[in-house]
Amino acid sequence: MPRPVRAVTLRFRTEDLVRLGVIPSGLFEKFEEVELLETLRLDAGSRLELLRVRRRGPLRTAEELERDAARIRTLYGLSRFEVVEIRPRSRDYVVLARQRNPERLRRWLALAGGGITPAAPFRVAEEETVASFHGEERALRRVLRRLDREEFPYRLVRASVRPAVVDREDGGLTPLQERVLARAWALGYYTIPRKVTLSRLARTTGRSAPALGKLLRRAEGHLVARWLASQAGTAEVDEAPPARPGSREP
């Protein structure tokens, strides 16, 4: 039997996270909101994240940001900063950012033993931060007890327990396919119209666009096959309408 996975959503005062060093000081002078789309890598020393950042006022161009990248890294304590997409209508940037973890956060991550992962919803605003995590129940309980012991202020908004799905025998998705599909969804690859092209999406994965397209199609094929199998005996296939006299078949 798979271990139960607990998902928790916590609410923090953003100023407490700034003092902790998790959120850069002065961030909200130029930005309204930050949303975590995906954690690409999380270890004791640093975290690599895909973020949506909403700017106050007009957006800067990709060329301006590229020229200013070194100053931005220094200003916000980043070791990596890369613009993936610019969304003028909503005044959003989608960026890849790597930030060093402060000492206190390192201790909490070590206590979790790699058993927790940040998840949606995870939004940082000037006054308040809503942060969600999922992972092994025991790891999450250890971290929450440490927060209580250190009297770090937070409020538990929601907690739920659900079984971990680890079934690969039915031709399910591989961990790589899951990560790539999640990133494609978060960046708007499946919206209409698309918010990110296959080429831009490929840049965030380190793969070529043709290789990524093949990986996505295989994953999508698995999902369709599983859905059809679950609908066996109930799904109906629409028949094509009869052709009009004199019309050609497509």
Protein backbone atom coordinates (compact mmCIF):
# COMPACT_ATOMS: atom_id res chain seq x y z
CA MET A 1 0.00 0.00 0.00
CA PRO A 2 1.34 3.48 -0.85
CA ARG A 3 1.98 5.83 2.04
CA PRO A 4 -0.64 8.53 2.58
CA VAL A 5 0.37 11.89 1.19
CA ARG A 6 -0.66 14.97 3.10
CA ALA A 7 -1.22 18.26 1.32
CA VAL A 8 -1.17 21.38 3.49
CA THR A 9 -1.79 25.05 2.76
CA LEU A 10 -0.31 27.59 5.15
CA ARG A 11 -0.71 31.34 5.46
CA PHE A 12 2.23 33.55 6.48
CA ARG A 13 2.82 37.25 6.92
CA THR A 14 5.08 38.17 4.02
CA GLU A 15 7.20 40.43 6.23
CA ASP A 16 8.15 37.38 8.34
CA LEU A 17 9.36 35.56 5.21
CA VAL A 18 11.35 38.64 4.17
CA ARG A 19 13.08 38.67 7.57
CA LEU A 20 13.76 34.95 7.17
CA GLY A 21 15.45 35.67 3.81
CA VAL A 22 13.12 33.51 1.71
CA ILE A 23 11.64 36.56 -0.04
CA PRO A 24 14.03 39.32 -1.22
CA SER A 25 13.77 42.65 0.58
CA GLY A 26 12.35 45.41 -1.61
CA LEU A 27 10.65 43.00 -4.01
CA PHE A 28 7.27 44.75 -3.78
CA GLU A 29 8.61 48.16 -4.70
CA LYS A 30 8.37 47.04 -8.34
CA PHE A 31 6.18 43.93 -8.25
CA GLU A 32 2.64 43.20 -7.11
CA GLU A 33 2.62 39.43 -6.82
CA VAL A 34 4.74 36.32 -7.28
CA GLU A 35 3.27 32.89 -8.00
CA LEU A 36 5.24 29.67 -7.84
CA LEU A 37 4.39 27.66 -10.97
CA GLU A 38 6.81 24.79 -10.41
CA THR A 39 9.77 23.86 -8.25
CA LEU A 40 12.30 22.37 -10.64
CA ARG A 41 14.93 21.55 -8.04
CA LEU A 42 14.95 21.81 -4.26
CA ASP A 43 17.91 20.90 -2.09
CA ALA A 44 19.42 22.16 1.15
CA GLY A 45 21.54 24.84 -0.52
CA SER A 46 19.22 26.38 -3.09
CA ARG A 47 15.99 26.11 -5.03
CA LEU A 48 15.34 26.46 -8.77
CA GLU A 49 11.83 27.68 -9.48
CA LEU A 50 9.57 28.64 -12.35
CA LEU A 51 7.79 31.82 -11.27
CA ARG A 52 5.11 34.14 -12.55
CA VAL A 53 5.94 37.69 -11.47
CA ARG A 54 3.45 40.57 -11.88
CA ARG A 55 5.05 43.96 -12.30
CA ARG A 56 3.77 47.31 -11.11
CA GLY A 57 3.50 49.55 -14.15
CA PRO A 58 4.78 48.92 -17.70
CA LEU A 59 6.81 45.84 -18.52
CA ARG A 60 10.41 46.02 -19.64
CA THR A 61 11.45 44.32 -22.86
CA ALA A 62 13.31 41.01 -22.95
CA GLU A 63 16.37 42.85 -24.29
CA GLU A 64 16.32 45.32 -21.38
CA LEU A 65 16.02 42.52 -18.86
CA GLU A 66 18.85 40.57 -20.45
CA ARG A 67 21.15 43.59 -20.31
CA ASP A 68 20.21 44.15 -16.67
CA ALA A 69 20.34 40.48 -15.61
CA ALA A 70 23.53 40.78 -13.53
CA ARG A 71 22.14 43.68 -11.50
CA ILE A 72 18.81 41.84 -11.01
CA ARG A 73 20.61 38.75 -9.72
CA THR A 74 22.59 40.85 -7.24
CA LEU A 75 19.58 42.91 -6.14
CA TYR A 76 17.38 39.90 -5.36
CA GLY A 77 20.06 37.46 -4.26
CA LEU A 78 19.71 35.11 -7.23
CA SER A 79 22.38 32.88 -8.75
CA ARG A 80 20.29 32.38 -11.91
CA PHE A 81 17.73 34.59 -13.63
CA GLU A 82 16.22 33.90 -17.05
CA VAL A 83 13.07 35.32 -18.66
CA VAL A 84 11.01 32.54 -20.25
CA GLU A 85 7.98 34.56 -21.34
CA ILE A 86 6.55 38.08 -21.18
CA ARG A 87 2.76 38.56 -20.94
CA PRO A 88 2.01 42.23 -21.66
CA ARG A 89 -1.76 41.97 -21.19
CA SER A 90 -1.49 40.85 -17.56
CA ARG A 91 1.89 42.59 -16.90
CA ASP A 92 3.48 39.27 -16.01
CA TYR A 93 6.92 37.79 -16.50
CA VAL A 94 7.49 34.05 -16.35
CA VAL A 95 11.05 33.52 -15.14
CA LEU A 96 13.46 30.80 -14.09
CA ALA A 97 15.16 31.80 -10.85
CA ARG A 98 17.62 30.07 -8.56
CA GLN A 99 17.91 31.44 -5.04
CA ARG A 100 20.17 30.39 -2.19
CA ASN A 101 18.35 29.10 0.87
CA PRO A 102 18.91 30.95 4.16
CA GLU A 103 20.27 28.95 7.07
CA ARG A 104 16.96 28.57 8.89
CA LEU A 105 15.23 27.24 5.77
CA ARG A 106 18.11 24.82 5.25
CA ARG A 107 17.49 23.37 8.72
CA TRP A 108 13.77 22.92 8.00
CA LEU A 109 14.51 21.19 4.68
CA ALA A 110 17.02 18.90 6.36
CA LEU A 111 14.40 18.04 8.96
CA ALA A 112 11.97 17.07 6.17
CA GLY A 113 14.59 14.76 4.66
CA GLY A 114 13.45 15.49 1.10
CA GLY A 115 9.92 14.37 1.97
CA ILE A 116 8.04 17.58 1.06
CA THR A 117 7.59 19.61 -2.12
CA PRO A 118 6.08 23.09 -2.69
CA ALA A 119 2.83 22.91 -4.68
CA ALA A 120 -0.02 25.08 -5.97
CA PRO A 121 -1.52 27.30 -4.72
CA PHE A 122 1.62 29.21 -3.77
CA ARG A 123 1.24 33.00 -4.07
CA VAL A 124 3.29 35.77 -2.51
CA ALA A 125 1.73 39.22 -2.12
CA GLU A 126 2.96 42.26 -0.25
CA GLU A 127 0.97 41.59 2.92
CA GLU A 128 0.36 37.86 2.88
CA THR A 129 1.78 34.64 1.46
CA VAL A 130 -0.26 31.50 0.80
CA ALA A 131 2.05 28.49 0.55
CA SER A 132 1.12 24.87 -0.18
CA PHE A 133 3.19 21.72 0.23
CA HIS A 134 2.66 18.03 -0.30
CA GLY A 135 4.69 15.12 0.90
CA GLU A 136 4.92 12.32 3.42
CA GLU A 137 2.75 12.99 6.44
CA ARG A 138 5.51 12.37 8.94
CA ALA A 139 7.87 14.80 7.19
CA LEU A 140 5.25 17.54 7.12
CA ARG A 141 4.36 16.99 10.76
CA ARG A 142 8.04 17.28 11.75
CA VAL A 143 8.36 20.63 9.98
CA LEU A 144 5.11 22.00 11.42
CA ARG A 145 6.19 20.98 14.94
CA ARG A 146 9.50 22.78 14.39
CA LEU A 147 7.67 25.94 13.26
CA ASP A 148 5.61 25.77 16.45
CA ARG A 149 8.68 25.15 18.62
CA GLU A 150 10.54 28.10 17.08
CA GLU A 151 7.36 30.21 17.34
CA PHE A 152 7.50 31.11 13.67
CA PRO A 153 4.03 32.58 12.96
CA TYR A 154 1.77 30.80 10.47
CA ARG A 155 -1.84 29.69 10.12
CA LEU A 156 -2.94 26.31 8.82
CA VAL A 157 -5.54 26.96 6.14
CA ARG A 158 -6.17 23.46 4.84
CA ALA A 159 -4.90 19.92 5.28
CA SER A 160 -5.91 16.79 3.41
CA VAL A 161 -4.74 13.21 3.14
CA ARG A 162 -4.85 11.31 -0.13
CA PRO A 163 -3.16 8.13 -1.38
CA ALA A 164 -0.01 8.52 -3.42
CA VAL A 165 -0.49 7.21 -6.94
CA VAL A 166 2.50 5.13 -7.94
CA ASP A 167 1.09 2.85 -10.60
CA ARG A 168 3.25 2.40 -13.69
CA GLU A 169 2.05 -1.06 -14.70
CA ASP A 170 -0.85 0.19 -16.79
CA GLY A 171 1.32 2.27 -19.11
CA GLY A 172 0.97 5.39 -16.95
CA LEU A 173 3.12 8.50 -17.10
CA THR A 174 6.79 8.43 -16.19
CA PRO A 175 8.09 11.01 -13.68
CA LEU A 176 9.69 12.92 -16.59
CA GLN A 177 6.39 13.02 -18.51
CA GLU A 178 4.57 14.22 -15.39
CA ARG A 179 7.06 17.05 -14.86
CA VAL A 180 6.98 18.18 -18.49
CA LEU A 181 3.18 18.07 -18.71
CA ALA A 182 2.90 20.05 -15.45
CA ARG A 183 5.29 22.68 -16.77
CA ALA A 184 3.50 22.89 -20.12
CA TRP A 185 0.20 23.38 -18.31
CA ALA A 186 1.61 26.01 -15.93
CA LEU A 187 3.12 28.04 -18.79
CA GLY A 188 -0.10 28.03 -20.82
CA TYR A 189 0.87 25.60 -23.58
CA TYR A 190 -2.61 24.06 -23.44
CA THR A 191 -4.60 27.30 -23.26
CA ILE A 192 -6.45 28.70 -26.29
CA PRO A 193 -4.66 30.61 -27.70
CA ARG A 194 -1.36 29.21 -26.46
CA LYS A 195 0.63 31.47 -24.16
CA VAL A 196 3.94 29.77 -24.92
CA THR A 197 5.28 28.10 -28.05
CA LEU A 198 6.81 24.65 -28.16
CA SER A 199 10.22 26.22 -28.84
CA ARG A 200 10.03 28.45 -25.76
CA LEU A 201 8.76 25.59 -23.64
CA ALA A 202 11.67 23.46 -24.86
CA ARG A 203 14.14 26.07 -23.60
CA THR A 204 12.94 25.50 -20.03
CA THR A 205 13.56 21.75 -20.29
CA GLY A 206 16.95 21.66 -21.99
CA ARG A 207 15.52 19.65 -24.89
CA SER A 208 15.05 20.41 -28.56
CA ALA A 209 11.55 21.34 -29.71
CA PRO A 210 11.13 18.11 -31.79
CA ALA A 211 12.25 15.93 -28.85
CA LEU A 212 9.93 17.74 -26.46
CA GLY A 213 7.03 17.49 -28.92
CA LYS A 214 7.53 13.72 -29.14
CA LEU A 215 7.66 13.42 -25.33
CA LEU A 216 4.45 15.43 -24.94
CA ARG A 217 2.61 13.42 -27.60
CA ARG A 218 3.54 10.17 -25.90
CA ALA A 219 2.33 11.49 -22.55
CA GLU A 220 -0.89 12.78 -24.09
CA GLY A 221 -1.39 9.42 -25.78
CA HIS A 222 -1.09 7.64 -22.42
CA LEU A 223 -3.68 9.97 -20.89
CA VAL A 224 -6.13 9.46 -23.76
CA ALA A 225 -5.66 5.68 -23.65
CA ARG A 226 -6.28 5.59 -19.90
CA TRP A 227 -9.40 7.72 -20.24
CA LEU A 228 -10.77 5.54 -23.02
CA ALA A 229 -10.07 2.44 -20.93
CA SER A 230 -11.93 3.98 -17.99
CA GLN A 231 -14.90 4.71 -20.28
CA ALA A 232 -15.02 1.23 -21.80
CA GLY A 233 -18.56 0.38 -22.72
CA THR A 234 -19.84 3.91 -22.09
CA ALA A 235 -17.97 6.14 -24.52
CA GLU A 236 -19.63 6.77 -27.84
CA VAL A 237 -17.91 7.64 -31.07
CA ASP A 238 -19.73 10.23 -33.11
CA GLU A 239 -20.48 9.13 -36.62
CA ALA A 240 -19.71 11.50 -39.45
CA PRO A 241 -22.84 13.14 -40.91
CA PRO A 242 -23.88 11.86 -44.32
CA ALA A 243 -22.30 13.73 -47.21
CA ARG A 244 -24.50 16.17 -49.08
CA PRO A 245 -25.22 15.30 -52.69
CA GLY A 246 -22.45 16.51 -54.94
CA SER A 247 -20.07 17.20 -52.09
CA ARG A 248 -16.60 15.70 -51.91
CA GLU A 249 -15.32 13.70 -49.01
CA PRO A 250 -12.51 15.47 -47.18
